[in-house]
C-alpha atoms as a PDB file:
ATOM      1  CA  MET A   1      -4.170  13.936 147.383  1.00  0.00           C
ATOM      2  CA  PHE A   2      -2.406  18.046 148.823  1.00  0.00           C
ATOM      3  CA  GLY A   3      -4.094  19.799 145.824  1.00  0.00           C
ATOM      4  CA  LEU A   4      -7.513  17.859 147.571  1.00  0.00           C
ATOM      5  CA  GLN A   5      -6.585  18.682 150.441  1.00  0.00           C
ATOM      6  CA  PHE A   6      -6.154  22.185 150.130  1.00  0.00           C
ATOM      7  CA  THR A   7      -8.914  23.313 148.083  1.00  0.00           C
ATOM      8  CA  PHE A   8     -11.212  21.566 150.543  1.00  0.00           C
ATOM      9  CA  SER A   9      -9.477  23.536 153.055  1.00  0.00           C
ATOM     10  CA  LEU A  10     -10.641  26.615 151.259  1.00  0.00           C
ATOM     11  CA  ILE A  11     -13.731  25.814 150.148  1.00  0.00           C
ATOM     12  CA  LEU A  12     -14.268  24.925 154.751  1.00  0.00           C
ATOM     13  CA  CYS A  13     -12.784  28.392 155.462  1.00  0.00           C
ATOM     14  CA  THR A  14     -14.268  30.025 153.245  1.00  0.00           C
ATOM     15  CA  MET A  15     -17.913  29.129 154.464  1.00  0.00           C
ATOM     16  CA  VAL A  16     -17.242  29.234 158.255  1.00  0.00           C
ATOM     17  CA  ALA A  17     -16.029  33.015 157.357  1.00  0.00           C
ATOM     18  CA  ARG A  18     -19.042  33.556 155.186  1.00  0.00           C
ATOM     19  CA  TRP A  19     -21.922  31.798 157.383  1.00  0.00           C
ATOM     20  CA  TYR A  20     -20.606  32.879 160.756  1.00  0.00           C
ATOM     21  CA  VAL A  21     -17.340  35.121 161.092  1.00  0.00           C
ATOM     22  CA  VAL A  22     -18.298  38.040 158.514  1.00  0.00           C
ATOM     23  CA  PRO A  23     -21.811  38.350 160.213  1.00  0.00           C
ATOM     24  CA  ALA A  24     -20.609  38.631 164.046  1.00  0.00           C
ATOM     25  CA  LEU A  25     -17.637  40.986 162.882  1.00  0.00           C
ATOM     26  CA  ARG A  26     -20.291  43.101 160.716  1.00  0.00           C
ATOM     27  CA  ARG A  27     -21.467  43.939 164.348  1.00  0.00           C
ATOM     28  CA  LEU A  28     -18.683  45.554 165.477  1.00  0.00           C
ATOM     29  CA  GLU A  29     -16.587  48.307 164.484  1.00  0.00           C
ATOM     30  CA  VAL A  30     -14.040  48.538 162.167  1.00  0.00           C
ATOM     31  CA  HIS A  31     -11.253  48.812 164.653  1.00  0.00           C
ATOM     32  CA  ALA A  32     -12.742  45.617 167.434  1.00  0.00           C
ATOM     33  CA  ALA A  33     -13.675  43.866 163.737  1.00  0.00           C
ATOM     34  CA  LEU A  34     -10.447  44.262 162.131  1.00  0.00           C
ATOM     35  CA  THR A  35      -8.055  43.023 165.530  1.00  0.00           C
ATOM     36  CA  PRO A  36      -8.698  38.896 165.405  1.00  0.00           C
ATOM     37  CA  LEU A  37      -8.399  39.392 161.913  1.00  0.00           C
ATOM     38  CA  PHE A  38      -4.910  39.748 162.037  1.00  0.00           C
ATOM     39  CA  LEU A  39      -4.165  37.725 165.262  1.00  0.00           C
ATOM     40  CA  VAL A  40      -4.834  35.098 162.939  1.00  0.00           C
ATOM     41  CA  HIS A  41      -1.886  36.327 160.987  1.00  0.00           C
ATOM     42  CA  ALA A  42       0.393  36.861 164.352  1.00  0.00           C
ATOM     43  CA  MET A  43       0.553  33.430 163.568  1.00  0.00           C
ATOM     44  CA  ARG A  44       2.649  33.192 160.984  1.00  0.00           C
ATOM     45  CA  TYR A  45       5.670  32.213 162.622  1.00  0.00           C
ATOM     46  CA  LEU A  46       4.398  28.363 162.337  1.00  0.00           C
ATOM     47  CA  PRO A  47       6.318  27.805 159.184  1.00  0.00           C
ATOM     48  CA  SER A  48       9.919  28.399 160.832  1.00  0.00           C
ATOM     49  CA  SER A  49       8.699  25.016 162.707  1.00  0.00           C
ATOM     50  CA  ALA A  50      10.235  23.279 159.165  1.00  0.00           C
ATOM     51  CA  PHE A  51      14.012  24.607 160.278  1.00  0.00           C
ATOM     52  CA  ALA A  52      13.300  22.003 163.874  1.00  0.00           C
ATOM     53  CA  PRO A  53      15.450  19.193 163.159  1.00  0.00           C
ATOM     54  CA  GLY A  54      13.689  16.437 161.455  1.00  0.00           C
ATOM     55  CA  GLN A  55      10.856  18.270 161.052  1.00  0.00           C
ATOM     56  CA  VAL A  56      10.778  18.127 156.933  1.00  0.00           C
ATOM     57  CA  ASP A  57      12.746  15.899 154.204  1.00  0.00           C
ATOM     58  CA  ALA A  58      16.802  16.308 154.967  1.00  0.00           C
ATOM     59  CA  HIS A  59      16.597  17.019 150.787  1.00  0.00           C
ATOM     60  CA  ILE A  60      13.986  20.112 150.806  1.00  0.00           C
ATOM     61  CA  PRO A  61      15.488  23.246 149.145  1.00  0.00           C
ATOM     62  CA  GLY A  62      16.548  25.646 151.768  1.00  0.00           C
ATOM     63  CA  ALA A  63      16.310  28.837 150.074  1.00  0.00           C
ATOM     64  CA  PRO A  64      12.890  28.741 149.172  1.00  0.00           C
ATOM     65  CA  MET A  65      11.642  27.484 152.660  1.00  0.00           C
ATOM     66  CA  ALA A  66      14.468  29.829 154.534  1.00  0.00           C
ATOM     67  CA  ALA A  67      12.280  32.653 151.770  1.00  0.00           C
ATOM     68  CA  ILE A  68       8.882  31.413 153.503  1.00  0.00           C
ATOM     69  CA  ALA A  69       9.549  30.682 156.739  1.00  0.00           C
ATOM     70  CA  TYR A  70      11.529  34.799 157.393  1.00  0.00           C
ATOM     71  CA  GLY A  71       8.836  36.277 154.682  1.00  0.00           C
ATOM     72  CA  ASP A  72       6.326  34.411 157.512  1.00  0.00           C
ATOM     73  CA  LEU A  73       8.538  35.293 160.853  1.00  0.00           C
ATOM     74  CA  ALA A  74       8.152  39.524 159.300  1.00  0.00           C
ATOM     75  CA  SER A  75       4.602  39.000 158.300  1.00  0.00           C
ATOM     76  CA  ALA A  76       3.574  37.617 161.915  1.00  0.00           C
ATOM     77  CA  ALA A  77       5.459  40.768 163.477  1.00  0.00           C
ATOM     78  CA  LEU A  78       3.829  42.983 161.009  1.00  0.00           C
ATOM     79  CA  ALA A  79       0.184  41.666 162.178  1.00  0.00           C
ATOM     80  CA  LEU A  80       0.944  42.565 165.752  1.00  0.00           C
ATOM     81  CA  VAL A  81       2.249  45.585 165.025  1.00  0.00           C
ATOM     82  CA  ALA A  82      -1.401  46.416 162.814  1.00  0.00           C
ATOM     83  CA  VAL A  83      -3.328  44.393 166.343  1.00  0.00           C
ATOM     84  CA  VAL A  84      -1.595  47.291 168.432  1.00  0.00           C
ATOM     85  CA  PHE A  85      -2.660  50.292 166.555  1.00  0.00           C
ATOM     86  CA  LEU A  86      -6.026  48.936 165.887  1.00  0.00           C
ATOM     87  CA  ARG A  87      -6.920  47.254 169.676  1.00  0.00           C
ATOM     88  CA  TYR A  88      -5.158  50.670 171.262  1.00  0.00           C
ATOM     89  CA  ARG A  89      -6.832  53.306 168.254  1.00  0.00           C
ATOM     90  CA  LEU A  90      -3.792  54.364 168.168  1.00  0.00           C
ATOM     91  CA  PRO A  91      -3.551  57.233 165.055  1.00  0.00           C
ATOM     92  CA  ARG A  92      -3.296  55.647 161.424  1.00  0.00           C
ATOM     93  CA  ALA A  93      -4.588  52.680 162.637  1.00  0.00           C
ATOM     94  CA  ILE A  94      -6.673  51.944 159.604  1.00  0.00           C
ATOM     95  CA  ALA A  95      -3.359  53.123 157.591  1.00  0.00           C
ATOM     96  CA  VAL A  96      -1.260  50.655 159.556  1.00  0.00           C
ATOM     97  CA  ALA A  97      -3.920  47.737 158.813  1.00  0.00           C
ATOM     98  CA  TRP A  98      -4.156  48.526 155.118  1.00  0.00           C
ATOM     99  CA  LEU A  99      -0.541  48.903 155.231  1.00  0.00           C
ATOM    100  CA  VAL A 100       0.123  45.591 156.912  1.00  0.00           C
ATOM    101  CA  ASN A 101      -2.569  43.622 154.780  1.00  0.00           C
ATOM    102  CA  VAL A 102      -0.686  44.317 151.658  1.00  0.00           C
ATOM    103  CA  VAL A 103       2.757  43.929 152.872  1.00  0.00           C
ATOM    104  CA  THR A 104       1.350  40.385 154.108  1.00  0.00           C
ATOM    105  CA  SER A 105      -0.092  40.188 151.179  1.00  0.00           C
ATOM    106  CA  LEU A 106       2.154  39.868 148.804  1.00  0.00           C
ATOM    107  CA  ASP A 107       4.430  37.841 151.068  1.00  0.00           C
ATOM    108  CA  TRP A 108       1.954  34.968 151.062  1.00  0.00           C
ATOM    109  CA  LEU A 109       1.980  35.390 147.143  1.00  0.00           C
ATOM    110  CA  TYR A 110       4.932  35.428 146.847  1.00  0.00           C
ATOM    111  CA  ALA A 111       5.497  32.264 149.272  1.00  0.00           C
ATOM    112  CA  SER A 112       2.869  30.473 147.485  1.00  0.00           C
ATOM    113  CA  PHE A 113       4.846  30.907 144.393  1.00  0.00           C
ATOM    114  CA  LEU A 114       8.475  29.517 145.934  1.00  0.00           C
ATOM    115  CA  ALA A 115       6.250  26.599 147.352  1.00  0.00           C
ATOM    116  CA  ALA A 116       5.094  25.480 143.913  1.00  0.00           C
ATOM    117  CA  SER A 117       7.504  26.641 141.427  1.00  0.00           C
ATOM    118  CA  SER A 118      10.198  25.036 143.943  1.00  0.00           C
ATOM    119  CA  ARG A 119       7.137  21.706 144.450  1.00  0.00           C
ATOM    120  CA  LEU A 120       7.467  21.439 147.818  1.00  0.00           C
ATOM    121  CA  ALA A 121       4.490  19.616 148.560  1.00  0.00           C
ATOM    122  CA  THR A 122       6.309  16.856 147.305  1.00  0.00           C
ATOM    123  CA  TYR A 123       8.876  16.668 150.125  1.00  0.00           C
ATOM    124  CA  ALA A 124       8.381  14.792 153.403  1.00  0.00           C
ATOM    125  CA  MET A 125       7.193  17.894 155.374  1.00  0.00           C
ATOM    126  CA  GLY A 126       6.141  16.612 158.969  1.00  0.00           C
ATOM    127  CA  GLY A 127       3.532  18.088 161.045  1.00  0.00           C
ATOM    128  CA  ASN A 128       4.235  21.339 158.445  1.00  0.00           C
ATOM    129  CA  TRP A 129       1.736  19.630 155.961  1.00  0.00           C
ATOM    130  CA  TYR A 130      -0.901  20.369 158.583  1.00  0.00           C
ATOM    131  CA  ILE A 131       0.499  23.951 157.952  1.00  0.00           C
ATOM    132  CA  ILE A 132       0.095  23.696 154.677  1.00  0.00           C
ATOM    133  CA  ASN A 133      -3.590  22.751 154.440  1.00  0.00           C
ATOM    134  CA  TYR A 134      -5.433  24.522 157.058  1.00  0.00           C
ATOM    135  CA  TYR A 135      -2.801  27.181 157.885  1.00  0.00           C
ATOM    136  CA  VAL A 136      -2.328  28.511 154.707  1.00  0.00           C
ATOM    137  CA  PRO A 137      -5.819  28.551 152.908  1.00  0.00           C
ATOM    138  CA  LEU A 138      -7.339  30.219 156.557  1.00  0.00           C
ATOM    139  CA  ILE A 139      -4.876  32.754 155.611  1.00  0.00           C
ATOM    140  CA  ALA A 140      -5.959  34.098 151.962  1.00  0.00           C
ATOM    141  CA  VAL A 141      -9.601  33.768 153.691  1.00  0.00           C
ATOM    142  CA  VAL A 142      -8.343  35.941 156.179  1.00  0.00           C
ATOM    143  CA  HIS A 143      -6.591  39.065 153.509  1.00  0.00           C
ATOM    144  CA  VAL A 144      -9.953  38.705 151.465  1.00  0.00           C
ATOM    145  CA  MET A 145     -11.844  39.465 154.687  1.00  0.00           C
ATOM    146  CA  ILE A 146      -9.606  42.050 155.737  1.00  0.00           C
ATOM    147  CA  PHE A 147      -8.777  43.604 152.173  1.00  0.00           C
ATOM    148  CA  ALA A 148     -13.282  43.535 152.449  1.00  0.00           C
ATOM    149  CA  ARG A 149     -13.667  45.099 155.719  1.00  0.00           C
ATOM    150  CA  LEU A 150     -11.660  48.262 154.547  1.00  0.00           C
ATOM    151  CA  ILE A 151     -12.855  48.660 151.180  1.00  0.00           C
ATOM    152  CA  HIS A 152     -16.112  48.263 152.533  1.00  0.00           C
ATOM    153  CA  GLU A 153     -15.136  51.383 155.748  1.00  0.00           C
ATOM    154  CA  ARG A 154     -13.650  53.287 153.059  1.00  0.00           C
ATOM    155  CA  VAL A 155     -16.918  53.107 150.952  1.00  0.00           C
ATOM    156  CA  ASP A 156     -19.202  53.399 154.172  1.00  0.00           C
ATOM    157  CA  GLU A 157     -16.244  56.893 154.782  1.00  0.00           C
ATOM    158  CA  HIS A 158     -17.448  58.891 151.884  1.00  0.00           C
ATOM    159  CA  GLY A 159     -21.686  57.922 152.850  1.00  0.00           C
ATOM    160  CA  THR A 160     -22.261  55.448 150.448  1.00  0.00           C
ATOM    161  CA  GLY A 161     -23.411  53.016 152.670  1.00  0.00           C
ATOM    162  CA  ASN A 162     -23.717  51.586 156.454  1.00  0.00           C
ATOM    163  CA  CYS A 163     -21.542  48.631 157.612  1.00  0.00           C
ATOM    164  CA  ALA A 164     -24.024  47.399 159.815  1.00  0.00           C
ATOM    165  CA  GLU A 165     -26.993  47.667 157.073  1.00  0.00           C
ATOM    166  CA  ALA A 166     -24.645  45.245 154.854  1.00  0.00           C
ATOM    167  CA  SER A 167     -26.301  41.870 153.829  1.00  0.00           C
ATOM    168  CA  PRO A 168     -25.542  38.994 156.082  1.00  0.00           C
ATOM    169  CA  ARG A 169     -25.069  36.984 152.380  1.00  0.00           C
ATOM    170  CA  SER A 170     -22.587  39.763 151.386  1.00  0.00           C
END
């Protein structure tokens, strides 16, 4: 059931992003478009709720859970740094966005590996089940959206296209 729920959430997040969010953000300049995407990542502190008493199975492996939670907490802090740089258009804001998205994407991949290799989904996860099945797929989709916008902006910088003229289906 876990795989089905996760896959369904990933598909739904992708559809919403592609049909509604990307077209709306495409009308904004890059700093304004990236800011709300990084705000989604600023909530990556949520998995630390697994450390609240009674939230997860007492037998769940502590090392992978700690690595995931602390990595997500660091990712949330980095996302807030990116938000500040982008929102206030500080120098090197786009470079910070690239760096933060690369680092937090690697953290997401590592956390996914830890969760799968430790079979965390086989333990009672309490409310964290919702985080895993709804928020984790959203994080993946938002990472792709950020990379797509940064790449598109870079291509546009080199005179090969105009971001505002991109097809709504892309």
